[in-house]
């Protein structure tokens, strides 16, 4: 017996060999069938990237300590606290940054 789309998604979500992009496309298909526009929109953003106007989810924000390589090795980048904070966070999901 053939599995329905939801059962396929559930089964494949546990299979490490199935790419996340494949799962997302199936989720988009299911969302379209169920008329879940917000889910379709979310999948589009996950697959194509978030635009400058979109709020990027917290799980897409990566924080690090900005460093620069010099002849003495890696050195922390310093400056005004607000500027350092700005360059310490990258939003993975912005097509211009990926």
PDB file of N, CA and C in Angstrom:
ATOM      1  N   UNK A   1       0.840  -1.185   0.000  1.00  0.00           N
ATOM      2  CA  UNK A   1       0.000   0.000   0.000  1.00  0.00           C
ATOM      3  C   UNK A   1       0.887   1.252   0.000  1.00  0.00           C
ATOM      4  N   UNK A   2       0.560   2.188  -0.858  1.00  0.00           N
ATOM      5  CA  UNK A   2       1.337   3.426  -0.976  1.00  0.00           C
ATOM      6  C   UNK A   2       1.089   4.325   0.230  1.00  0.00           C
ATOM      7  N   UNK A   3       2.152   4.965   0.671  1.00  0.00           N
ATOM      8  CA  UNK A   3       2.035   5.896   1.794  1.00  0.00           C
ATOM      9  C   UNK A   3       1.518   7.235   1.300  1.00  0.00           C
ATOM     10  N   UNK A   4       0.726   7.900   2.132  1.00  0.00           N
ATOM     11  CA  UNK A   4       0.302   9.262   1.838  1.00  0.00           C
ATOM     12  C   UNK A   4       1.475  10.208   2.042  1.00  0.00           C
ATOM     13  N   UNK A   5       1.319  11.425   1.594  1.00  0.00           N
ATOM     14  CA  UNK A   5       2.409  12.401   1.652  1.00  0.00           C
ATOM     15  C   UNK A   5       2.873  12.663   3.083  1.00  0.00           C
ATOM     16  N   UNK A   6       1.949  12.731   4.034  1.00  0.00           N
ATOM     17  CA  UNK A   6       2.332  12.986   5.434  1.00  0.00           C
ATOM     18  C   UNK A   6       3.135  11.817   5.977  1.00  0.00           C
ATOM     19  N   UNK A   7       2.695  10.598   5.675  1.00  0.00           N
ATOM     20  CA  UNK A   7       3.432   9.418   6.127  1.00  0.00           C
ATOM     21  C   UNK A   7       4.818   9.353   5.482  1.00  0.00           C
ATOM     22  N   UNK A   8       4.914   9.749   4.207  1.00  0.00           N
ATOM     23  CA  UNK A   8       6.221   9.786   3.534  1.00  0.00           C
ATOM     24  C   UNK A   8       7.161  10.761   4.237  1.00  0.00           C
ATOM     25  N   UNK A   9       6.634  11.935   4.542  1.00  0.00           N
ATOM     26  CA  UNK A   9       7.447  12.958   5.209  1.00  0.00           C
ATOM     27  C   UNK A   9       7.923  12.437   6.563  1.00  0.00           C
ATOM     28  N   UNK A  10       7.009  11.833   7.315  1.00  0.00           N
ATOM     29  CA  UNK A  10       7.371  11.313   8.637  1.00  0.00           C
ATOM     30  C   UNK A  10       8.447  10.228   8.523  1.00  0.00           C
ATOM     31  N   UNK A  11       8.274   9.308   7.588  1.00  0.00           N
ATOM     32  CA  UNK A  11       9.231   8.216   7.405  1.00  0.00           C
ATOM     33  C   UNK A  11      10.591   8.747   6.962  1.00  0.00           C
ATOM     34  N   UNK A  12      10.585   9.632   5.977  1.00  0.00           N
ATOM     35  CA  UNK A  12      11.832  10.142   5.425  1.00  0.00           C
ATOM     36  C   UNK A  12      12.548  11.107   6.376  1.00  0.00           C
ATOM     37  N   UNK A  13      11.806  11.729   7.283  1.00  0.00           N
ATOM     38  CA  UNK A  13      12.441  12.629   8.252  1.00  0.00           C
ATOM     39  C   UNK A  13      13.384  11.862   9.174  1.00  0.00           C
ATOM     40  N   UNK A  14      13.150  10.573   9.334  1.00  0.00           N
ATOM     41  CA  UNK A  14      14.006   9.732  10.175  1.00  0.00           C
ATOM     42  C   UNK A  14      15.153   9.095   9.399  1.00  0.00           C
ATOM     43  N   UNK A  15      15.150   9.244   8.094  1.00  0.00           N
ATOM     44  CA  UNK A  15      16.155   8.638   7.226  1.00  0.00           C
ATOM     45  C   UNK A  15      17.246   9.665   6.919  1.00  0.00           C
ATOM     46  N   UNK A  16      18.431   9.455   7.454  1.00  0.00           N
ATOM     47  CA  UNK A  16      19.530  10.417   7.286  1.00  0.00           C
ATOM     48  C   UNK A  16      19.970  10.584   5.839  1.00  0.00           C
ATOM     49  N   UNK A  17      19.619   9.648   4.984  1.00  0.00           N
ATOM     50  CA  UNK A  17      20.053   9.748   3.586  1.00  0.00           C
ATOM     51  C   UNK A  17      19.141  10.653   2.748  1.00  0.00           C
ATOM     52  N   UNK A  18      18.001  11.048   3.294  1.00  0.00           N
ATOM     53  CA  UNK A  18      17.066  11.908   2.566  1.00  0.00           C
ATOM     54  C   UNK A  18      17.458  13.369   2.805  1.00  0.00           C
ATOM     55  N   UNK A  19      17.771  14.112   1.750  1.00  0.00           N
ATOM     56  CA  UNK A  19      18.151  15.526   1.912  1.00  0.00           C
ATOM     57  C   UNK A  19      17.006  16.366   2.496  1.00  0.00           C
ATOM     58  N   UNK A  20      17.379  17.324   3.319  1.00  0.00           N
ATOM     59  CA  UNK A  20      16.380  18.216   3.924  1.00  0.00           C
ATOM     60  C   UNK A  20      15.592  18.948   2.838  1.00  0.00           C
ATOM     61  N   UNK A  21      16.249  19.308   1.744  1.00  0.00           N
ATOM     62  CA  UNK A  21      15.548  20.012   0.663  1.00  0.00           C
ATOM     63  C   UNK A  21      14.428  19.148   0.081  1.00  0.00           C
ATOM     64  N   UNK A  22      14.630  17.840   0.012  1.00  0.00           N
ATOM     65  CA  UNK A  22      13.590  16.926  -0.474  1.00  0.00           C
ATOM     66  C   UNK A  22      12.410  16.928   0.491  1.00  0.00           C
ATOM     67  N   UNK A  23      12.711  16.852   1.784  1.00  0.00           N
ATOM     68  CA  UNK A  23      11.637  16.896   2.785  1.00  0.00           C
ATOM     69  C   UNK A  23      10.868  18.208   2.709  1.00  0.00           C
ATOM     70  N   UNK A  24      11.588  19.309   2.566  1.00  0.00           N
ATOM     71  CA  UNK A  24      10.923  20.612   2.503  1.00  0.00           C
ATOM     72  C   UNK A  24      10.000  20.718   1.285  1.00  0.00           C
ATOM     73  N   UNK A  25      10.447  20.190   0.148  1.00  0.00           N
ATOM     74  CA  UNK A  25       9.574  20.226  -1.032  1.00  0.00           C
ATOM     75  C   UNK A  25       8.306  19.397  -0.807  1.00  0.00           C
ATOM     76  N   UNK A  26       8.427  18.276  -0.117  1.00  0.00           N
ATOM     77  CA  UNK A  26       7.248  17.468   0.191  1.00  0.00           C
ATOM     78  C   UNK A  26       6.342  18.175   1.197  1.00  0.00           C
ATOM     79  N   UNK A  27       6.949  18.859   2.155  1.00  0.00           N
ATOM     80  CA  UNK A  27       6.155  19.642   3.116  1.00  0.00           C
ATOM     81  C   UNK A  27       5.393  20.733   2.373  1.00  0.00           C
ATOM     82  N   UNK A  28       6.035  21.372   1.401  1.00  0.00           N
ATOM     83  CA  UNK A  28       5.357  22.410   0.629  1.00  0.00           C
ATOM     84  C   UNK A  28       4.178  21.831  -0.142  1.00  0.00           C
ATOM     85  N   UNK A  29       4.364  20.660  -0.717  1.00  0.00           N
ATOM     86  CA  UNK A  29       3.276  19.994  -1.436  1.00  0.00           C
ATOM     87  C   UNK A  29       2.100  19.710  -0.497  1.00  0.00           C
ATOM     88  N   UNK A  30       2.410  19.158   0.680  1.00  0.00           N
ATOM     89  CA  UNK A  30       1.355  18.864   1.654  1.00  0.00           C
ATOM     90  C   UNK A  30       0.664  20.146   2.108  1.00  0.00           C
ATOM     91  N   UNK A  31       1.453  21.195   2.342  1.00  0.00           N
ATOM     92  CA  UNK A  31       0.885  22.477   2.779  1.00  0.00           C
ATOM     93  C   UNK A  31      -0.046  23.043   1.715  1.00  0.00           C
ATOM     94  N   UNK A  32       0.323  22.904   0.447  1.00  0.00           N
ATOM     95  CA  UNK A  32      -0.533  23.388  -0.641  1.00  0.00           C
ATOM     96  C   UNK A  32      -1.849  22.617  -0.666  1.00  0.00           C
ATOM     97  N   UNK A  33      -1.770  21.301  -0.486  1.00  0.00           N
ATOM     98  CA  UNK A  33      -2.993  20.478  -0.474  1.00  0.00           C
ATOM     99  C   UNK A  33      -3.892  20.841   0.698  1.00  0.00           C
ATOM    100  N   UNK A  34      -3.282  21.214   1.815  1.00  0.00           N
ATOM    101  CA  UNK A  34      -4.043  21.545   3.021  1.00  0.00           C
ATOM    102  C   UNK A  34      -4.348  23.040   3.141  1.00  0.00           C
ATOM    103  N   UNK A  35      -3.940  23.809   2.130  1.00  0.00           N
ATOM    104  CA  UNK A  35      -4.177  25.256   2.097  1.00  0.00           C
ATOM    105  C   UNK A  35      -3.539  25.962   3.305  1.00  0.00           C
ATOM    106  N   UNK A  36      -2.285  25.603   3.589  1.00  0.00           N
ATOM    107  CA  UNK A  36      -1.538  26.212   4.685  1.00  0.00           C
ATOM    108  C   UNK A  36      -0.505  27.182   4.099  1.00  0.00           C
ATOM    109  N   UNK A  37      -0.976  28.352   3.733  1.00  0.00           N
ATOM    110  CA  UNK A  37      -0.154  29.339   3.038  1.00  0.00           C
ATOM    111  C   UNK A  37       1.079  29.749   3.847  1.00  0.00           C
ATOM    112  N   UNK A  38       0.937  29.893   5.154  1.00  0.00           N
ATOM    113  CA  UNK A  38       2.082  30.309   5.972  1.00  0.00           C
ATOM    114  C   UNK A  38       3.184  29.249   5.958  1.00  0.00           C
ATOM    115  N   UNK A  39       2.804  27.982   5.898  1.00  0.00           N
ATOM    116  CA  UNK A  39       3.798  26.912   5.832  1.00  0.00           C
ATOM    117  C   UNK A  39       4.479  26.924   4.461  1.00  0.00           C
ATOM    118  N   UNK A  40       3.705  27.130   3.410  1.00  0.00           N
ATOM    119  CA  UNK A  40       4.287  27.242   2.064  1.00  0.00           C
ATOM    120  C   UNK A  40       5.304  28.384   2.011  1.00  0.00           C
ATOM    121  N   UNK A  41       4.941  29.520   2.579  1.00  0.00           N
ATOM    122  CA  UNK A  41       5.833  30.678   2.585  1.00  0.00           C
ATOM    123  C   UNK A  41       7.122  30.374   3.351  1.00  0.00           C
ATOM    124  N   UNK A  42       6.981  29.706   4.511  1.00  0.00           N
ATOM    125  CA  UNK A  42       8.150  29.350   5.317  1.00  0.00           C
ATOM    126  C   UNK A  42       9.072  28.418   4.527  1.00  0.00           C
ATOM    127  N   UNK A  43       8.503  27.407   3.866  1.00  0.00           N
ATOM    128  CA  UNK A  43       9.313  26.474   3.075  1.00  0.00           C
ATOM    129  C   UNK A  43      10.047  27.223   1.964  1.00  0.00           C
ATOM    130  N   UNK A  44       9.365  28.138   1.291  1.00  0.00           N
ATOM    131  CA  UNK A  44      10.012  28.929   0.234  1.00  0.00           C
ATOM    132  C   UNK A  44      11.221  29.680   0.782  1.00  0.00           C
ATOM    133  N   UNK A  45      11.064  30.282   1.953  1.00  0.00           N
ATOM    134  CA  UNK A  45      12.171  31.031   2.551  1.00  0.00           C
ATOM    135  C   UNK A  45      13.315  30.103   2.935  1.00  0.00           C
ATOM    136  N   UNK A  46      12.992  28.923   3.443  1.00  0.00           N
ATOM    137  CA  UNK A  46      14.032  27.971   3.817  1.00  0.00           C
ATOM    138  C   UNK A  46      14.783  27.467   2.583  1.00  0.00           C
ATOM    139  N   UNK A  47      14.074  27.269   1.484  1.00  0.00           N
ATOM    140  CA  UNK A  47      14.700  26.758   0.267  1.00  0.00           C
ATOM    141  C   UNK A  47      15.429  27.836  -0.528  1.00  0.00           C
ATOM    142  N   UNK A  48      14.869  29.041  -0.580  1.00  0.00           N
ATOM    143  CA  UNK A  48      15.406  30.096  -1.445  1.00  0.00           C
ATOM    144  C   UNK A  48      16.159  31.178  -0.689  1.00  0.00           C
ATOM    145  N   UNK A  49      15.993  31.219   0.614  1.00  0.00           N
ATOM    146  CA  UNK A  49      16.662  32.235   1.420  1.00  0.00           C
ATOM    147  C   UNK A  49      15.695  33.324   1.859  1.00  0.00           C
ATOM    148  N   UNK A  50      16.045  33.971   2.926  1.00  0.00           N
ATOM    149  CA  UNK A  50      15.239  35.053   3.484  1.00  0.00           C
ATOM    150  C   UNK A  50      15.686  36.375   2.866  1.00  0.00           C
ATOM    151  N   UNK A  51      14.728  37.223   2.524  1.00  0.00           N
ATOM    152  CA  UNK A  51      15.074  38.526   1.945  1.00  0.00           C
ATOM    153  C   UNK A  51      15.359  39.512   3.076  1.00  0.00           C
ATOM    154  N   UNK A  52      15.814  40.677   2.710  1.00  0.00           N
ATOM    155  CA  UNK A  52      16.138  41.702   3.701  1.00  0.00           C
ATOM    156  C   UNK A  52      14.944  42.147   4.521  1.00  0.00           C
ATOM    157  N   UNK A  53      13.732  41.999   3.971  1.00  0.00           N
ATOM    158  CA  UNK A  53      12.521  42.420   4.678  1.00  0.00           C
ATOM    159  C   UNK A  53      11.983  41.355   5.627  1.00  0.00           C
ATOM    160  N   UNK A  54      12.432  40.108   5.462  1.00  0.00           N
ATOM    161  CA  UNK A  54      11.924  39.006   6.274  1.00  0.00           C
ATOM    162  C   UNK A  54      12.598  38.960   7.636  1.00  0.00           C
ATOM    163  N   UNK A  55      11.830  38.544   8.636  1.00  0.00           N
ATOM    164  CA  UNK A  55      12.422  38.300   9.946  1.00  0.00           C
ATOM    165  C   UNK A  55      13.046  36.905   9.905  1.00  0.00           C
ATOM    166  N   UNK A  56      14.336  36.834  10.153  1.00  0.00           N
ATOM    167  CA  UNK A  56      15.047  35.563  10.112  1.00  0.00           C
ATOM    168  C   UNK A  56      14.845  34.859  11.446  1.00  0.00           C
ATOM    169  N   UNK A  57      14.415  33.582  11.427  1.00  0.00           N
ATOM    170  CA  UNK A  57      14.190  32.849  12.680  1.00  0.00           C
ATOM    171  C   UNK A  57      15.474  32.725  13.505  1.00  0.00           C
ATOM    172  N   UNK A  58      15.309  32.586  14.824  1.00  0.00           N
ATOM    173  CA  UNK A  58      16.462  32.488  15.725  1.00  0.00           C
ATOM    174  C   UNK A  58      17.374  31.332  15.354  1.00  0.00           C
ATOM    175  N   UNK A  59      16.814  30.220  14.889  1.00  0.00           N
ATOM    176  CA  UNK A  59      17.658  29.067  14.568  1.00  0.00           C
ATOM    177  C   UNK A  59      18.543  29.315  13.347  1.00  0.00           C
ATOM    178  N   UNK A  60      18.330  30.399  12.633  1.00  0.00           N
ATOM    179  CA  UNK A  60      19.156  30.754  11.483  1.00  0.00           C
ATOM    180  C   UNK A  60      20.234  31.780  11.840  1.00  0.00           C
ATOM    181  N   UNK A  61      20.272  32.232  13.084  1.00  0.00           N
ATOM    182  CA  UNK A  61      21.262  33.227  13.506  1.00  0.00           C
ATOM    183  C   UNK A  61      22.419  32.522  14.204  1.00  0.00           C
ATOM    184  N   UNK A  62      23.622  32.801  13.740  1.00  0.00           N
ATOM    185  CA  UNK A  62      24.822  32.190  14.287  1.00  0.00           C
ATOM    186  C   UNK A  62      25.678  33.288  14.896  1.00  0.00           C
ATOM    187  N   UNK A  63      26.118  33.054  16.115  1.00  0.00           N
ATOM    188  CA  UNK A  63      26.923  34.050  16.821  1.00  0.00           C
ATOM    189  C   UNK A  63      28.363  33.537  16.922  1.00  0.00           C
ATOM    190  N   UNK A  64      29.290  34.452  16.761  1.00  0.00           N
ATOM    191  CA  UNK A  64      30.700  34.107  16.881  1.00  0.00           C
ATOM    192  C   UNK A  64      31.496  35.272  17.415  1.00  0.00           C
ATOM    193  N   UNK A  65      32.761  35.050  17.581  1.00  0.00           N
ATOM    194  CA  UNK A  65      33.653  36.112  18.043  1.00  0.00           C
ATOM    195  C   UNK A  65      34.485  36.542  16.846  1.00  0.00           C
ATOM    196  N   UNK A  66      34.325  37.787  16.387  1.00  0.00           N
ATOM    197  CA  UNK A  66      35.073  38.228  15.203  1.00  0.00           C
ATOM    198  C   UNK A  66      36.575  38.278  15.489  1.00  0.00           C
ATOM    199  N   UNK A  67      37.321  37.674  14.574  1.00  0.00           N
ATOM    200  CA  UNK A  67      38.773  37.605  14.712  1.00  0.00           C
ATOM    201  C   UNK A  67      39.418  38.027  13.394  1.00  0.00           C
ATOM    202  N   UNK A  68      40.627  38.524  13.480  1.00  0.00           N
ATOM    203  CA  UNK A  68      41.404  38.895  12.296  1.00  0.00           C
ATOM    204  C   UNK A  68      42.782  38.256  12.422  1.00  0.00           C
ATOM    205  N   UNK A  69      43.294  37.791  11.304  1.00  0.00           N
ATOM    206  CA  UNK A  69      44.617  37.180  11.319  1.00  0.00           C
ATOM    207  C   UNK A  69      45.670  38.249  11.060  1.00  0.00           C
ATOM    208  N   UNK A  70      46.643  38.260  11.912  1.00  0.00           N
ATOM    209  CA  UNK A  70      47.748  39.210  11.746  1.00  0.00           C
ATOM    210  C   UNK A  70      49.058  38.422  11.760  1.00  0.00           C
ATOM    211  N   UNK A  71      50.147  39.116  11.667  1.00  0.00           N
ATOM    212  CA  UNK A  71      51.434  38.412  11.701  1.00  0.00           C
ATOM    213  C   UNK A  71      51.708  37.790  13.072  1.00  0.00           C
ATOM    214  N   UNK A  72      50.946  38.178  14.076  1.00  0.00           N
ATOM    215  CA  UNK A  72      51.072  37.614  15.420  1.00  0.00           C
ATOM    216  C   UNK A  72      50.051  36.512  15.680  1.00  0.00           C
ATOM    217  N   UNK A  73      49.292  36.137  14.641  1.00  0.00           N
ATOM    218  CA  UNK A  73      48.264  35.104  14.797  1.00  0.00           C
ATOM    219  C   UNK A  73      46.870  35.726  14.839  1.00  0.00           C
ATOM    220  N   UNK A  74      45.913  34.960  15.264  1.00  0.00           N
ATOM    221  CA  UNK A  74      44.519  35.421  15.314  1.00  0.00           C
ATOM    222  C   UNK A  74      44.314  36.358  16.491  1.00  0.00           C
ATOM    223  N   UNK A  75      43.745  37.527  16.199  1.00  0.00           N
ATOM    224  CA  UNK A  75      43.495  38.549  17.209  1.00  0.00           C
ATOM    225  C   UNK A  75      42.013  38.918  17.202  1.00  0.00           C
ATOM    226  N   UNK A  76      41.430  39.137  18.391  1.00  0.00           N
ATOM    227  CA  UNK A  76      40.022  39.570  18.416  1.00  0.00           C
ATOM    228  C   UNK A  76      39.874  40.957  17.795  1.00  0.00           C
ATOM    229  N   UNK A  77      38.790  41.148  17.080  1.00  0.00           N
ATOM    230  CA  UNK A  77      38.489  42.462  16.506  1.00  0.00           C
ATOM    231  C   UNK A  77      37.790  43.276  17.587  1.00  0.00           C
ATOM    232  N   UNK A  78      38.277  44.463  17.810  1.00  0.00           N
ATOM    233  CA  UNK A  78      37.678  45.319  18.841  1.00  0.00           C
ATOM    234  C   UNK A  78      37.156  46.600  18.205  1.00  0.00           C
ATOM    235  N   UNK A  79      36.354  47.287  18.950  1.00  0.00           N
ATOM    236  CA  UNK A  79      35.777  48.535  18.482  1.00  0.00           C
ATOM    237  C   UNK A  79      34.590  48.889  19.345  1.00  0.00           C
ATOM    238  N   UNK A  80      33.780  49.832  18.885  1.00  0.00           N
ATOM    239  CA  UNK A  80      32.588  50.189  19.650  1.00  0.00           C
ATOM    240  C   UNK A  80      31.713  48.955  19.866  1.00  0.00           C
ATOM    241  N   UNK A  81      31.203  48.754  21.089  1.00  0.00           N
ATOM    242  CA  UNK A  81      30.425  47.547  21.396  1.00  0.00           C
ATOM    243  C   UNK A  81      29.281  47.264  20.427  1.00  0.00           C
ATOM    244  N   UNK A  82      28.568  48.284  19.989  1.00  0.00           N
ATOM    245  CA  UNK A  82      27.438  48.074  19.076  1.00  0.00           C
ATOM    246  C   UNK A  82      27.937  47.535  17.724  1.00  0.00           C
ATOM    247  N   UNK A  83      29.044  48.038  17.248  1.00  0.00           N
ATOM    248  CA  UNK A  83      29.626  47.583  15.987  1.00  0.00           C
ATOM    249  C   UNK A  83      30.102  46.141  16.102  1.00  0.00           C
ATOM    250  N   UNK A  84      30.805  45.809  17.201  1.00  0.00           N
ATOM    251  CA  UNK A  84      31.285  44.438  17.410  1.00  0.00           C
ATOM    252  C   UNK A  84      30.095  43.483  17.484  1.00  0.00           C
ATOM    253  N   UNK A  85      29.029  43.884  18.153  1.00  0.00           N
ATOM    254  CA  UNK A  85      27.821  43.051  18.234  1.00  0.00           C
ATOM    255  C   UNK A  85      27.238  42.810  16.847  1.00  0.00           C
ATOM    256  N   UNK A  86      27.219  43.838  16.027  1.00  0.00           N
ATOM    257  CA  UNK A  86      26.673  43.720  14.678  1.00  0.00           C
ATOM    258  C   UNK A  86      27.450  42.709  13.845  1.00  0.00           C
ATOM    259  N   UNK A  87      28.773  42.746  13.923  1.00  0.00           N
ATOM    260  CA  UNK A  87      29.563  41.823  13.107  1.00  0.00           C
ATOM    261  C   UNK A  87      29.720  40.448  13.753  1.00  0.00           C
ATOM    262  N   UNK A  88      29.198  40.266  14.962  1.00  0.00           N
ATOM    263  CA  UNK A  88      29.296  38.977  15.653  1.00  0.00           C
ATOM    264  C   UNK A  88      28.164  38.019  15.289  1.00  0.00           C
ATOM    265  N   UNK A  89      27.134  38.517  14.609  1.00  0.00           N
ATOM    266  CA  UNK A  89      25.969  37.691  14.286  1.00  0.00           C
ATOM    267  C   UNK A  89      25.799  37.607  12.777  1.00  0.00           C
ATOM    268  N   UNK A  90      25.709  36.392  12.286  1.00  0.00           N
ATOM    269  CA  UNK A  90      25.427  36.146  10.863  1.00  0.00           C
ATOM    270  C   UNK A  90      24.081  35.475  10.779  1.00  0.00           C
ATOM    271  N   UNK A  91      23.251  35.921   9.859  1.00  0.00           N
ATOM    272  CA  UNK A  91      21.932  35.337   9.678  1.00  0.00           C
ATOM    273  C   UNK A  91      21.983  34.386   8.496  1.00  0.00           C
ATOM    274  N   UNK A  92      22.108  33.086   8.776  1.00  0.00           N
ATOM    275  CA  UNK A  92      22.134  32.085   7.710  1.00  0.00           C
ATOM    276  C   UNK A  92      20.741  31.942   7.181  1.00  0.00           C
ATOM    277  N   UNK A  93      20.537  32.363   6.016  1.00  0.00           N
ATOM    278  CA  UNK A  93      19.227  32.390   5.398  1.00  0.00           C
ATOM    279  C   UNK A  93      19.108  33.602   4.505  1.00  0.00           C
ATOM    280  N   UNK A  94      20.047  34.502   4.660  1.00  0.00           N
ATOM    281  CA  UNK A  94      20.102  35.663   3.800  1.00  0.00           C
ATOM    282  C   UNK A  94      20.931  35.277   2.566  1.00  0.00           C
ATOM    283  N   UNK A  95      20.324  35.206   1.370  1.00  0.00           N
ATOM    284  CA  UNK A  95      21.048  34.763   0.178  1.00  0.00           C
ATOM    285  C   UNK A  95      22.332  35.519  -0.090  1.00  0.00           C
ATOM    286  N   UNK A  96      22.420  36.765   0.320  1.00  0.00           N
ATOM    287  CA  UNK A  96      23.628  37.533   0.041  1.00  0.00           C
ATOM    288  C   UNK A  96      24.791  37.114   0.955  1.00  0.00           C
ATOM    289  N   UNK A  97      24.503  36.376   2.028  1.00  0.00           N
ATOM    290  CA  UNK A  97      25.548  35.962   2.949  1.00  0.00           C
ATOM    291  C   UNK A  97      25.945  34.508   2.780  1.00  0.00           C
ATOM    292  N   UNK A  98      25.166  33.746   2.059  1.00  0.00           N
ATOM    293  CA  UNK A  98      25.427  32.307   1.947  1.00  0.00           C
ATOM    294  C   UNK A  98      26.264  32.026   0.724  1.00  0.00           C
TER     295      UNK A  98
END
